[in-house]
Amino acid sequence: MLRNYAPVYAFVATASLLACRPVSAADVAAQRADRAAFSGGAGTEVSRSCVVTGVETCFNAIDDNCNGLVDEGCGLKTGMIQLLAAWDEASVDVDLALELPSGAVVDKSNRNRDSFALDRDCPKDGCSDQNEEGIVFAGGEPAAGEYTLTVKLARPADLTADGVNVHVGGRLGTHSHAATVRLTVAHPSEVLKFVL
């Protein structure tokens, strides 16, 4: 009678062994990214929750379908960390700058640093009035620590209205995050932070 149970026992043991594997550095980094969230200044509206609004709309820096990816299928690079800023005013130039825990900065003058890259510099990179800039991490394990994302007007004098709303969307691990910042001549930049 014991022989009848032996194959079942062997199967259970094999299944348990297959489920166990060493945790890699990339796994740890992904778990840190999943726990991260944006924080911003007093005038910044920050959200970690996602509300399904339909299919993904390109160049709005919003995870419209709440699948954890922002503007996927729109020809933009993506990775474990993806930071996007989108705005409607074609004549306005908004720039992103990401300060890494090491103090290094990724921006339009330093487009590649420590596996982070500035994907687009709109409107300069021929964005066809689809103004969206992005910084993406394409490596295996981002450094632990605090990251500072600055969203700023390149030339505040370009503003024709009383300001510009900038939608900042991000993927940190498997979660999408969003913030809306209002940039004006008097307040030409806003800072968002997250910790991995």
N, C-alpha and C. Protein backbone atom coordinates (compact mmCIF):
# COMPACT_ATOMS: atom_id res chain seq x y z
N MET A 1 0.82 -1.18 0.00
CA MET A 1 0.00 0.00 0.00
C MET A 1 0.87 1.25 0.00
N LEU A 2 2.00 1.21 0.58
CA LEU A 2 2.89 2.35 0.58
C LEU A 2 3.36 2.72 -0.82
N ARG A 3 3.51 1.72 -1.67
CA ARG A 3 3.95 1.98 -3.03
C ARG A 3 2.97 2.89 -3.76
N ASN A 4 1.71 2.81 -3.47
CA ASN A 4 0.72 3.66 -4.15
C ASN A 4 0.90 5.13 -3.79
N TYR A 5 1.41 5.42 -2.61
CA TYR A 5 1.58 6.80 -2.19
C TYR A 5 2.94 7.38 -2.58
N ALA A 6 3.90 6.55 -2.88
CA ALA A 6 5.25 7.03 -3.17
C ALA A 6 5.29 8.02 -4.34
N PRO A 7 4.63 7.75 -5.46
CA PRO A 7 4.70 8.72 -6.56
C PRO A 7 4.07 10.07 -6.19
N VAL A 8 3.01 10.06 -5.41
CA VAL A 8 2.36 11.30 -5.01
C VAL A 8 3.31 12.10 -4.11
N TYR A 9 3.94 11.42 -3.17
CA TYR A 9 4.86 12.07 -2.27
C TYR A 9 6.03 12.67 -3.07
N ALA A 10 6.55 11.93 -4.03
CA ALA A 10 7.66 12.42 -4.84
C ALA A 10 7.24 13.65 -5.64
N PHE A 11 6.03 13.67 -6.16
CA PHE A 11 5.54 14.80 -6.92
C PHE A 11 5.43 16.05 -6.05
N VAL A 12 4.89 15.88 -4.83
CA VAL A 12 4.76 17.01 -3.92
C VAL A 12 6.13 17.55 -3.56
N ALA A 13 7.07 16.68 -3.28
CA ALA A 13 8.42 17.12 -2.93
C ALA A 13 9.06 17.86 -4.09
N THR A 14 8.89 17.33 -5.31
CA THR A 14 9.47 17.98 -6.48
C THR A 14 8.84 19.35 -6.70
N ALA A 15 7.53 19.46 -6.55
CA ALA A 15 6.85 20.75 -6.72
C ALA A 15 7.34 21.76 -5.68
N SER A 16 7.57 21.31 -4.45
CA SER A 16 8.05 22.22 -3.42
C SER A 16 9.47 22.69 -3.73
N LEU A 17 10.31 21.80 -4.22
CA LEU A 17 11.66 22.18 -4.55
C LEU A 17 11.70 23.17 -5.72
N LEU A 18 10.81 22.99 -6.69
CA LEU A 18 10.76 23.90 -7.82
C LEU A 18 10.32 25.29 -7.40
N ALA A 19 9.49 25.38 -6.38
CA ALA A 19 9.00 26.68 -5.94
C ALA A 19 10.07 27.47 -5.20
N CYS A 20 11.06 26.80 -4.65
CA CYS A 20 12.11 27.47 -3.90
C CYS A 20 13.28 27.79 -4.82
N ARG A 21 13.74 29.01 -4.78
CA ARG A 21 14.92 29.40 -5.53
C ARG A 21 15.57 30.56 -4.80
N PRO A 22 16.83 30.78 -5.01
CA PRO A 22 17.49 31.91 -4.35
C PRO A 22 16.89 33.23 -4.83
N VAL A 23 16.82 34.18 -3.94
CA VAL A 23 16.32 35.50 -4.29
C VAL A 23 17.48 36.30 -4.90
N SER A 24 17.28 36.81 -6.11
CA SER A 24 18.34 37.56 -6.79
C SER A 24 18.31 39.03 -6.38
N ALA A 25 19.37 39.73 -6.71
CA ALA A 25 19.43 41.16 -6.44
C ALA A 25 18.35 41.89 -7.23
N ALA A 26 18.05 41.42 -8.45
CA ALA A 26 16.99 42.04 -9.25
C ALA A 26 15.63 41.85 -8.58
N ASP A 27 15.40 40.68 -7.95
CA ASP A 27 14.14 40.45 -7.22
C ASP A 27 14.00 41.44 -6.07
N VAL A 28 15.09 41.65 -5.34
CA VAL A 28 15.06 42.58 -4.21
C VAL A 28 14.80 44.00 -4.71
N ALA A 29 15.44 44.38 -5.81
CA ALA A 29 15.23 45.72 -6.37
C ALA A 29 13.79 45.89 -6.82
N ALA A 30 13.21 44.87 -7.44
CA ALA A 30 11.81 44.95 -7.88
C ALA A 30 10.87 45.10 -6.68
N GLN A 31 11.17 44.39 -5.59
CA GLN A 31 10.33 44.51 -4.39
C GLN A 31 10.44 45.91 -3.79
N ARG A 32 11.65 46.49 -3.79
CA ARG A 32 11.82 47.87 -3.30
C ARG A 32 11.03 48.84 -4.17
N ALA A 33 11.09 48.66 -5.49
CA ALA A 33 10.37 49.55 -6.40
C ALA A 33 8.86 49.43 -6.20
N ASP A 34 8.36 48.22 -5.93
CA ASP A 34 6.92 48.03 -5.70
C ASP A 34 6.44 48.78 -4.46
N ARG A 35 7.32 48.96 -3.47
CA ARG A 35 6.92 49.65 -2.23
C ARG A 35 7.09 51.17 -2.33
N ALA A 36 7.74 51.65 -3.39
CA ALA A 36 8.01 53.08 -3.53
C ALA A 36 6.76 53.84 -3.92
N ALA A 37 6.74 55.13 -3.63
CA ALA A 37 5.63 56.02 -4.02
C ALA A 37 6.15 57.43 -4.16
N PHE A 38 5.51 58.21 -5.03
CA PHE A 38 5.87 59.62 -5.19
C PHE A 38 5.48 60.40 -3.94
N SER A 39 6.27 61.39 -3.61
CA SER A 39 5.86 62.42 -2.65
C SER A 39 6.22 63.75 -3.28
N GLY A 40 5.40 64.77 -3.02
CA GLY A 40 5.63 66.06 -3.67
C GLY A 40 5.39 67.20 -2.72
N GLY A 41 5.54 68.41 -3.26
CA GLY A 41 5.35 69.63 -2.48
C GLY A 41 3.88 69.88 -2.19
N ALA A 42 3.61 70.95 -1.48
CA ALA A 42 2.26 71.28 -1.04
C ALA A 42 1.30 71.49 -2.20
N GLY A 43 1.76 72.00 -3.33
CA GLY A 43 0.88 72.27 -4.46
C GLY A 43 0.76 71.11 -5.44
N THR A 44 1.28 69.95 -5.07
CA THR A 44 1.29 68.82 -5.98
C THR A 44 0.25 67.80 -5.57
N GLU A 45 -0.56 67.39 -6.52
CA GLU A 45 -1.57 66.36 -6.30
C GLU A 45 -0.96 65.01 -6.69
N VAL A 46 -0.75 64.13 -5.71
CA VAL A 46 -0.09 62.84 -5.93
C VAL A 46 -1.07 61.71 -5.69
N SER A 47 -1.01 60.68 -6.56
CA SER A 47 -1.91 59.54 -6.41
C SER A 47 -1.17 58.25 -6.71
N ARG A 48 -1.38 57.24 -5.88
CA ARG A 48 -0.84 55.92 -6.16
C ARG A 48 -1.93 55.01 -6.71
N SER A 49 -3.17 55.37 -6.45
CA SER A 49 -4.26 54.54 -6.94
C SER A 49 -4.47 54.80 -8.43
N CYS A 50 -5.05 53.85 -9.08
CA CYS A 50 -5.30 53.95 -10.51
C CYS A 50 -6.78 53.76 -10.75
N VAL A 51 -7.35 54.56 -11.63
CA VAL A 51 -8.75 54.45 -12.00
C VAL A 51 -8.82 54.13 -13.49
N VAL A 52 -9.40 52.99 -13.82
CA VAL A 52 -9.48 52.60 -15.23
C VAL A 52 -10.35 53.60 -15.98
N THR A 53 -9.78 54.19 -17.03
CA THR A 53 -10.53 55.13 -17.86
C THR A 53 -10.73 54.60 -19.27
N GLY A 54 -10.22 53.42 -19.56
CA GLY A 54 -10.39 52.83 -20.88
C GLY A 54 -9.05 52.33 -21.40
N VAL A 55 -8.96 52.25 -22.72
CA VAL A 55 -7.72 51.79 -23.35
C VAL A 55 -6.63 52.85 -23.16
N GLU A 56 -5.40 52.43 -23.30
CA GLU A 56 -4.27 53.34 -23.10
C GLU A 56 -4.29 54.46 -24.14
N THR A 57 -4.19 55.69 -23.68
CA THR A 57 -4.09 56.86 -24.54
C THR A 57 -2.64 57.29 -24.56
N CYS A 58 -2.10 57.48 -25.75
CA CYS A 58 -0.69 57.84 -25.87
C CYS A 58 -0.43 59.29 -25.47
N PHE A 59 0.75 59.50 -24.92
CA PHE A 59 1.33 60.82 -24.64
C PHE A 59 0.55 61.64 -23.62
N ASN A 60 -0.04 60.96 -22.62
CA ASN A 60 -0.69 61.70 -21.53
C ASN A 60 -0.06 61.40 -20.17
N ALA A 61 0.93 60.51 -20.11
CA ALA A 61 1.64 60.15 -18.87
C ALA A 61 0.70 59.58 -17.82
N ILE A 62 -0.35 58.89 -18.27
CA ILE A 62 -1.33 58.29 -17.36
C ILE A 62 -1.47 56.80 -17.70
N ASP A 63 -1.55 55.96 -16.69
CA ASP A 63 -1.81 54.54 -16.89
C ASP A 63 -3.33 54.36 -17.02
N ASP A 64 -3.86 54.62 -18.21
CA ASP A 64 -5.31 54.64 -18.43
C ASP A 64 -5.98 53.30 -18.16
N ASN A 65 -5.30 52.19 -18.45
CA ASN A 65 -5.91 50.88 -18.26
C ASN A 65 -5.46 50.17 -16.99
N CYS A 66 -4.70 50.86 -16.16
CA CYS A 66 -4.30 50.37 -14.83
C CYS A 66 -3.60 49.01 -14.85
N ASN A 67 -2.72 48.81 -15.83
CA ASN A 67 -1.99 47.55 -15.88
C ASN A 67 -0.56 47.69 -15.34
N GLY A 68 -0.24 48.85 -14.74
CA GLY A 68 1.09 49.06 -14.18
C GLY A 68 2.08 49.64 -15.17
N LEU A 69 1.67 49.84 -16.42
CA LEU A 69 2.53 50.43 -17.45
C LEU A 69 1.94 51.76 -17.87
N VAL A 70 2.79 52.74 -18.10
CA VAL A 70 2.32 54.07 -18.48
C VAL A 70 2.62 54.29 -19.96
N ASP A 71 1.57 54.60 -20.73
CA ASP A 71 1.69 54.89 -22.17
C ASP A 71 2.37 53.76 -22.95
N GLU A 72 2.05 52.51 -22.58
CA GLU A 72 2.63 51.39 -23.33
C GLU A 72 2.00 51.32 -24.72
N GLY A 73 2.77 50.83 -25.68
CA GLY A 73 2.30 50.74 -27.06
C GLY A 73 2.40 52.06 -27.80
N CYS A 74 3.07 53.04 -27.22
CA CYS A 74 3.15 54.39 -27.82
C CYS A 74 4.54 54.69 -28.36
N GLY A 75 5.40 53.69 -28.42
CA GLY A 75 6.74 53.90 -28.94
C GLY A 75 7.73 54.45 -27.93
N LEU A 76 7.34 54.46 -26.65
CA LEU A 76 8.23 54.95 -25.60
C LEU A 76 8.94 53.78 -24.94
N LYS A 77 10.13 54.04 -24.44
CA LYS A 77 10.86 53.00 -23.72
C LYS A 77 10.21 52.78 -22.36
N THR A 78 10.32 51.56 -21.85
CA THR A 78 9.77 51.25 -20.54
C THR A 78 10.78 50.40 -19.77
N GLY A 79 10.61 50.33 -18.48
CA GLY A 79 11.50 49.54 -17.64
C GLY A 79 10.92 49.46 -16.24
N MET A 80 11.70 48.88 -15.31
CA MET A 80 11.25 48.74 -13.93
C MET A 80 10.90 50.11 -13.34
N ILE A 81 11.65 51.13 -13.75
CA ILE A 81 11.34 52.50 -13.36
C ILE A 81 11.16 53.30 -14.65
N GLN A 82 10.02 53.94 -14.77
CA GLN A 82 9.71 54.77 -15.93
C GLN A 82 9.04 56.05 -15.41
N LEU A 83 9.59 57.19 -15.75
CA LEU A 83 9.07 58.48 -15.29
C LEU A 83 8.72 59.32 -16.50
N LEU A 84 7.50 59.82 -16.58
CA LEU A 84 7.04 60.58 -17.74
C LEU A 84 6.41 61.88 -17.30
N ALA A 85 6.53 62.90 -18.12
CA ALA A 85 5.84 64.17 -17.93
C ALA A 85 5.19 64.54 -19.26
N ALA A 86 3.90 64.90 -19.22
CA ALA A 86 3.18 65.28 -20.44
C ALA A 86 2.43 66.58 -20.20
N TRP A 87 2.36 67.41 -21.24
CA TRP A 87 1.66 68.68 -21.15
C TRP A 87 1.10 69.02 -22.53
N ASP A 88 0.04 69.83 -22.55
CA ASP A 88 -0.67 70.13 -23.79
C ASP A 88 -0.12 71.30 -24.58
N GLU A 89 0.45 72.28 -23.95
CA GLU A 89 0.86 73.50 -24.63
C GLU A 89 2.10 73.24 -25.49
N ALA A 90 1.92 73.29 -26.82
CA ALA A 90 2.99 72.93 -27.76
C ALA A 90 4.19 73.86 -27.68
N SER A 91 3.99 75.12 -27.35
CA SER A 91 5.10 76.08 -27.35
C SER A 91 5.91 76.06 -26.06
N VAL A 92 5.44 75.32 -25.08
CA VAL A 92 6.11 75.29 -23.78
C VAL A 92 7.09 74.12 -23.72
N ASP A 93 8.27 74.36 -23.17
CA ASP A 93 9.29 73.33 -23.02
C ASP A 93 9.42 72.99 -21.54
N VAL A 94 9.01 71.79 -21.18
CA VAL A 94 9.13 71.28 -19.81
C VAL A 94 10.26 70.26 -19.80
N ASP A 95 11.12 70.34 -18.83
CA ASP A 95 12.25 69.42 -18.72
C ASP A 95 12.15 68.57 -17.46
N LEU A 96 12.68 67.36 -17.56
CA LEU A 96 12.81 66.46 -16.42
C LEU A 96 14.28 66.34 -16.05
N ALA A 97 14.55 66.25 -14.77
CA ALA A 97 15.90 65.97 -14.27
C ALA A 97 15.74 65.02 -13.09
N LEU A 98 16.44 63.91 -13.14
CA LEU A 98 16.38 62.91 -12.07
C LEU A 98 17.72 62.85 -11.37
N GLU A 99 17.71 63.19 -10.07
CA GLU A 99 18.91 63.04 -9.27
C GLU A 99 18.89 61.67 -8.63
N LEU A 100 19.94 60.90 -8.87
CA LEU A 100 20.07 59.53 -8.35
C LEU A 100 20.63 59.57 -6.93
N PRO A 101 20.52 58.48 -6.18
CA PRO A 101 21.07 58.45 -4.82
C PRO A 101 22.56 58.80 -4.76
N SER A 102 23.28 58.53 -5.85
CA SER A 102 24.72 58.83 -5.89
C SER A 102 25.01 60.32 -6.05
N GLY A 103 23.97 61.11 -6.38
CA GLY A 103 24.16 62.53 -6.66
C GLY A 103 24.25 62.82 -8.15
N ALA A 104 24.45 61.80 -8.97
CA ALA A 104 24.48 61.98 -10.42
C ALA A 104 23.09 62.40 -10.90
N VAL A 105 23.05 63.15 -12.01
CA VAL A 105 21.80 63.65 -12.54
C VAL A 105 21.62 63.19 -13.98
N VAL A 106 20.40 62.74 -14.30
CA VAL A 106 20.01 62.41 -15.67
C VAL A 106 19.10 63.53 -16.13
N ASP A 107 19.49 64.22 -17.21
CA ASP A 107 18.68 65.30 -17.76
C ASP A 107 19.08 65.50 -19.21
N LYS A 108 18.66 66.61 -19.83
CA LYS A 108 18.93 66.80 -21.25
C LYS A 108 20.41 66.99 -21.56
N SER A 109 21.22 67.38 -20.58
CA SER A 109 22.66 67.51 -20.82
C SER A 109 23.44 66.25 -20.45
N ASN A 110 22.84 65.37 -19.66
CA ASN A 110 23.43 64.07 -19.28
C ASN A 110 22.36 63.01 -19.49
N ARG A 111 22.17 62.59 -20.72
CA ARG A 111 21.04 61.75 -21.08
C ARG A 111 21.15 60.31 -20.60
N ASN A 112 22.34 59.82 -20.31
CA ASN A 112 22.53 58.43 -19.87
C ASN A 112 23.44 58.40 -18.65
N ARG A 113 22.95 57.75 -17.58
CA ARG A 113 23.74 57.66 -16.36
C ARG A 113 23.25 56.47 -15.55
N ASP A 114 24.14 55.56 -15.17
CA ASP A 114 23.83 54.45 -14.27
C ASP A 114 22.59 53.66 -14.70
N SER A 115 22.49 53.34 -15.98
CA SER A 115 21.37 52.58 -16.58
C SER A 115 20.07 53.36 -16.66
N PHE A 116 20.06 54.64 -16.32
CA PHE A 116 18.92 55.52 -16.53
C PHE A 116 19.17 56.30 -17.82
N ALA A 117 18.10 56.57 -18.57
CA ALA A 117 18.26 57.33 -19.81
C ALA A 117 17.07 58.25 -20.03
N LEU A 118 17.36 59.46 -20.52
CA LEU A 118 16.31 60.37 -20.95
C LEU A 118 15.86 59.88 -22.32
N ASP A 119 14.59 59.50 -22.41
CA ASP A 119 14.06 58.90 -23.65
C ASP A 119 13.75 59.97 -24.69
N ARG A 120 13.12 61.05 -24.28
CA ARG A 120 12.75 62.12 -25.22
C ARG A 120 12.95 63.48 -24.54
N ASP A 121 13.35 64.46 -25.34
CA ASP A 121 13.45 65.85 -24.87
C ASP A 121 12.53 66.67 -25.76
N CYS A 122 11.27 66.78 -25.36
CA CYS A 122 10.27 67.48 -26.17
C CYS A 122 10.21 68.95 -25.79
N PRO A 123 9.91 69.80 -26.71
CA PRO A 123 9.57 69.57 -28.11
C PRO A 123 10.78 69.44 -29.03
N LYS A 124 11.98 69.52 -28.48
CA LYS A 124 13.21 69.53 -29.27
C LYS A 124 13.43 68.27 -30.11
N ASP A 125 13.09 67.09 -29.62
CA ASP A 125 13.37 65.83 -30.32
C ASP A 125 12.34 65.49 -31.39
N GLY A 126 11.64 66.48 -31.92
CA GLY A 126 10.67 66.22 -32.98
C GLY A 126 9.46 65.45 -32.47
N CYS A 127 8.84 65.93 -31.45
CA CYS A 127 7.75 65.22 -30.80
C CYS A 127 6.38 65.48 -31.45
N SER A 128 6.34 66.28 -32.50
CA SER A 128 5.11 66.53 -33.26
C SER A 128 3.95 66.97 -32.38
N ASP A 129 4.18 67.95 -31.53
CA ASP A 129 3.15 68.48 -30.63
C ASP A 129 2.59 67.44 -29.66
N GLN A 130 3.29 66.34 -29.49
CA GLN A 130 2.92 65.33 -28.49
C GLN A 130 3.97 65.42 -27.39
N ASN A 131 3.86 66.48 -26.63
CA ASN A 131 4.90 66.79 -25.66
C ASN A 131 4.87 65.84 -24.47
N GLU A 132 5.87 65.00 -24.44
CA GLU A 132 6.04 64.07 -23.32
C GLU A 132 7.52 63.74 -23.23
N GLU A 133 8.08 63.91 -22.04
CA GLU A 133 9.46 63.52 -21.79
C GLU A 133 9.46 62.33 -20.87
N GLY A 134 10.49 61.51 -21.00
CA GLY A 134 10.56 60.33 -20.16
C GLY A 134 11.97 59.98 -19.76
N ILE A 135 12.10 59.45 -18.57
CA ILE A 135 13.36 58.88 -18.09
C ILE A 135 13.04 57.45 -17.70
N VAL A 136 13.87 56.53 -18.18
CA VAL A 136 13.59 55.11 -17.95
C VAL A 136 14.85 54.42 -17.42
N PHE A 137 14.65 53.44 -16.55
CA PHE A 137 15.74 52.61 -16.04
C PHE A 137 15.74 51.32 -16.84
N ALA A 138 16.86 51.00 -17.47
CA ALA A 138 16.94 49.82 -18.32
C ALA A 138 17.95 48.80 -17.80
N GLY A 139 18.34 48.92 -16.55
CA GLY A 139 19.32 48.00 -15.98
C GLY A 139 18.66 46.91 -15.17
N GLY A 140 19.47 46.17 -14.43
CA GLY A 140 18.95 45.08 -13.64
C GLY A 140 18.58 45.45 -12.22
N GLU A 141 19.37 46.33 -11.60
CA GLU A 141 19.12 46.69 -10.20
C GLU A 141 19.43 48.16 -9.95
N PRO A 142 18.40 48.99 -9.78
CA PRO A 142 18.67 50.40 -9.46
C PRO A 142 19.20 50.53 -8.04
N ALA A 143 19.98 51.56 -7.81
CA ALA A 143 20.56 51.79 -6.48
C ALA A 143 19.47 52.07 -5.45
N ALA A 144 19.68 51.59 -4.26
CA ALA A 144 18.77 51.89 -3.15
C ALA A 144 19.03 53.33 -2.71
N GLY A 145 17.96 53.99 -2.25
CA GLY A 145 18.11 55.35 -1.75
C GLY A 145 17.04 56.27 -2.29
N GLU A 146 17.22 57.57 -2.03
CA GLU A 146 16.24 58.57 -2.43
C GLU A 146 16.54 59.11 -3.83
N TYR A 147 15.49 59.19 -4.64
CA TYR A 147 15.55 59.75 -5.99
C TYR A 147 14.74 61.05 -5.98
N THR A 148 15.25 62.07 -6.66
CA THR A 148 14.57 63.35 -6.74
C THR A 148 14.32 63.69 -8.20
N LEU A 149 13.04 63.81 -8.56
CA LEU A 149 12.64 64.16 -9.92
C LEU A 149 12.20 65.62 -9.93
N THR A 150 12.87 66.42 -10.72
CA THR A 150 12.50 67.83 -10.86
C THR A 150 11.81 68.02 -12.20
N VAL A 151 10.64 68.62 -12.15
CA VAL A 151 9.86 68.98 -13.34
C VAL A 151 9.93 70.49 -13.43
N LYS A 152 10.47 71.01 -14.55
CA LYS A 152 10.68 72.46 -14.59
C LYS A 152 10.46 73.03 -15.99
N LEU A 153 10.11 74.30 -16.01
CA LEU A 153 9.98 75.03 -17.27
C LEU A 153 11.39 75.35 -17.77
N ALA A 154 11.67 75.01 -19.02
CA ALA A 154 12.99 75.33 -19.58
C ALA A 154 13.11 76.83 -19.80
N ARG A 155 12.03 77.44 -20.27
CA ARG A 155 12.01 78.88 -20.53
C ARG A 155 10.67 79.43 -20.03
N PRO A 156 10.59 79.86 -18.78
CA PRO A 156 9.32 80.36 -18.24
C PRO A 156 8.70 81.47 -19.09
N ALA A 157 9.51 82.23 -19.82
CA ALA A 157 8.98 83.32 -20.65
C ALA A 157 8.11 82.80 -21.79
N ASP A 158 8.19 81.49 -22.11
CA ASP A 158 7.38 80.91 -23.19
C ASP A 158 5.91 80.78 -22.80
N LEU A 159 5.60 80.90 -21.53
CA LEU A 159 4.21 80.74 -21.09
C LEU A 159 3.35 81.87 -21.65
N THR A 160 2.26 81.48 -22.32
CA THR A 160 1.33 82.48 -22.84
C THR A 160 0.12 82.61 -21.94
N ALA A 161 -0.13 81.63 -21.14
CA ALA A 161 -1.26 81.64 -20.19
C ALA A 161 -0.71 81.87 -18.79
N ASP A 162 -1.56 81.64 -17.81
CA ASP A 162 -1.12 81.85 -16.43
C ASP A 162 -0.35 80.65 -15.88
N GLY A 163 -0.13 79.64 -16.67
CA GLY A 163 0.62 78.48 -16.23
C GLY A 163 0.34 77.28 -17.09
N VAL A 164 0.99 76.19 -16.78
CA VAL A 164 0.80 74.95 -17.53
C VAL A 164 0.66 73.80 -16.54
N ASN A 165 -0.34 72.94 -16.77
CA ASN A 165 -0.49 71.72 -15.98
C ASN A 165 0.37 70.64 -16.60
N VAL A 166 1.16 69.98 -15.79
CA VAL A 166 2.01 68.89 -16.25
C VAL A 166 1.58 67.63 -15.52
N HIS A 167 1.25 66.61 -16.29
CA HIS A 167 0.90 65.31 -15.71
C HIS A 167 2.18 64.49 -15.63
N VAL A 168 2.50 64.03 -14.44
CA VAL A 168 3.68 63.21 -14.23
C VAL A 168 3.20 61.81 -13.90
N GLY A 169 3.60 60.87 -14.71
CA GLY A 169 3.23 59.48 -14.49
C GLY A 169 4.48 58.66 -14.30
N GLY A 170 4.35 57.60 -13.57
CA GLY A 170 5.53 56.77 -13.35
C GLY A 170 5.18 55.34 -13.08
N ARG A 171 6.10 54.50 -13.46
CA ARG A 171 6.03 53.09 -13.10
C ARG A 171 7.20 52.86 -12.15
N LEU A 172 6.87 52.40 -10.95
CA LEU A 172 7.87 52.01 -9.97
C LEU A 172 7.59 50.55 -9.65
N GLY A 173 8.40 49.66 -10.22
CA GLY A 173 8.13 48.23 -10.08
C GLY A 173 6.93 47.85 -10.92
N THR A 174 5.92 47.28 -10.28
CA THR A 174 4.71 46.87 -11.01
C THR A 174 3.55 47.82 -10.79
N HIS A 175 3.78 48.94 -10.11
CA HIS A 175 2.70 49.88 -9.80
C HIS A 175 2.89 51.18 -10.57
N SER A 176 1.76 51.77 -10.97
CA SER A 176 1.82 53.08 -11.61
C SER A 176 1.47 54.15 -10.59
N HIS A 177 2.04 55.32 -10.79
CA HIS A 177 1.85 56.45 -9.90
C HIS A 177 1.56 57.67 -10.76
N ALA A 178 0.92 58.66 -10.18
CA ALA A 178 0.59 59.86 -10.94
C ALA A 178 0.64 61.09 -10.05
N ALA A 179 0.95 62.19 -10.68
CA ALA A 179 0.94 63.49 -9.99
C ALA A 179 0.60 64.54 -11.03
N THR A 180 -0.01 65.61 -10.59
CA THR A 180 -0.25 66.76 -11.45
C THR A 180 0.40 67.96 -10.79
N VAL A 181 1.25 68.63 -11.56
CA VAL A 181 1.92 69.82 -11.05
C VAL A 181 1.54 71.01 -11.92
N ARG A 182 1.43 72.15 -11.33
CA ARG A 182 1.12 73.39 -12.06
C ARG A 182 2.37 74.25 -12.02
N LEU A 183 2.92 74.54 -13.22
CA LEU A 183 4.10 75.37 -13.32
C LEU A 183 3.71 76.75 -13.84
N THR A 184 4.25 77.77 -13.21
CA THR A 184 3.95 79.16 -13.59
C THR A 184 5.27 79.92 -13.67
N VAL A 185 5.19 81.15 -14.13
CA VAL A 185 6.39 82.00 -14.16
C VAL A 185 6.92 82.18 -12.73
N ALA A 186 6.03 82.36 -11.78
CA ALA A 186 6.43 82.54 -10.38
C ALA A 186 6.88 81.24 -9.72
N HIS A 187 6.39 80.12 -10.21
CA HIS A 187 6.72 78.80 -9.65
C HIS A 187 7.09 77.87 -10.81
N PRO A 188 8.32 78.03 -11.37
CA PRO A 188 8.68 77.32 -12.60
C PRO A 188 9.16 75.88 -12.43
N SER A 189 9.18 75.35 -11.21
CA SER A 189 9.62 73.96 -11.03
C SER A 189 8.91 73.32 -9.85
N GLU A 190 8.88 72.01 -9.87
CA GLU A 190 8.30 71.23 -8.78
C GLU A 190 9.15 69.98 -8.61
N VAL A 191 9.26 69.53 -7.38
CA VAL A 191 10.09 68.36 -7.06
C VAL A 191 9.21 67.23 -6.54
N LEU A 192 9.43 66.04 -7.08
CA LEU A 192 8.81 64.80 -6.59
C LEU A 192 9.93 63.88 -6.14
N LYS A 193 9.67 63.11 -5.10
CA LYS A 193 10.68 62.20 -4.58
C LYS A 193 10.10 60.81 -4.43
N PHE A 194 10.99 59.82 -4.49
CA PHE A 194 10.62 58.46 -4.14
C PHE A 194 11.87 57.76 -3.61
N VAL A 195 11.65 56.76 -2.78
CA VAL A 195 12.76 56.04 -2.15
C VAL A 195 12.65 54.57 -2.52
N LEU A 196 13.77 54.01 -2.96
CA LEU A 196 13.84 52.57 -3.24
C LEU A 196 14.64 51.90 -2.14
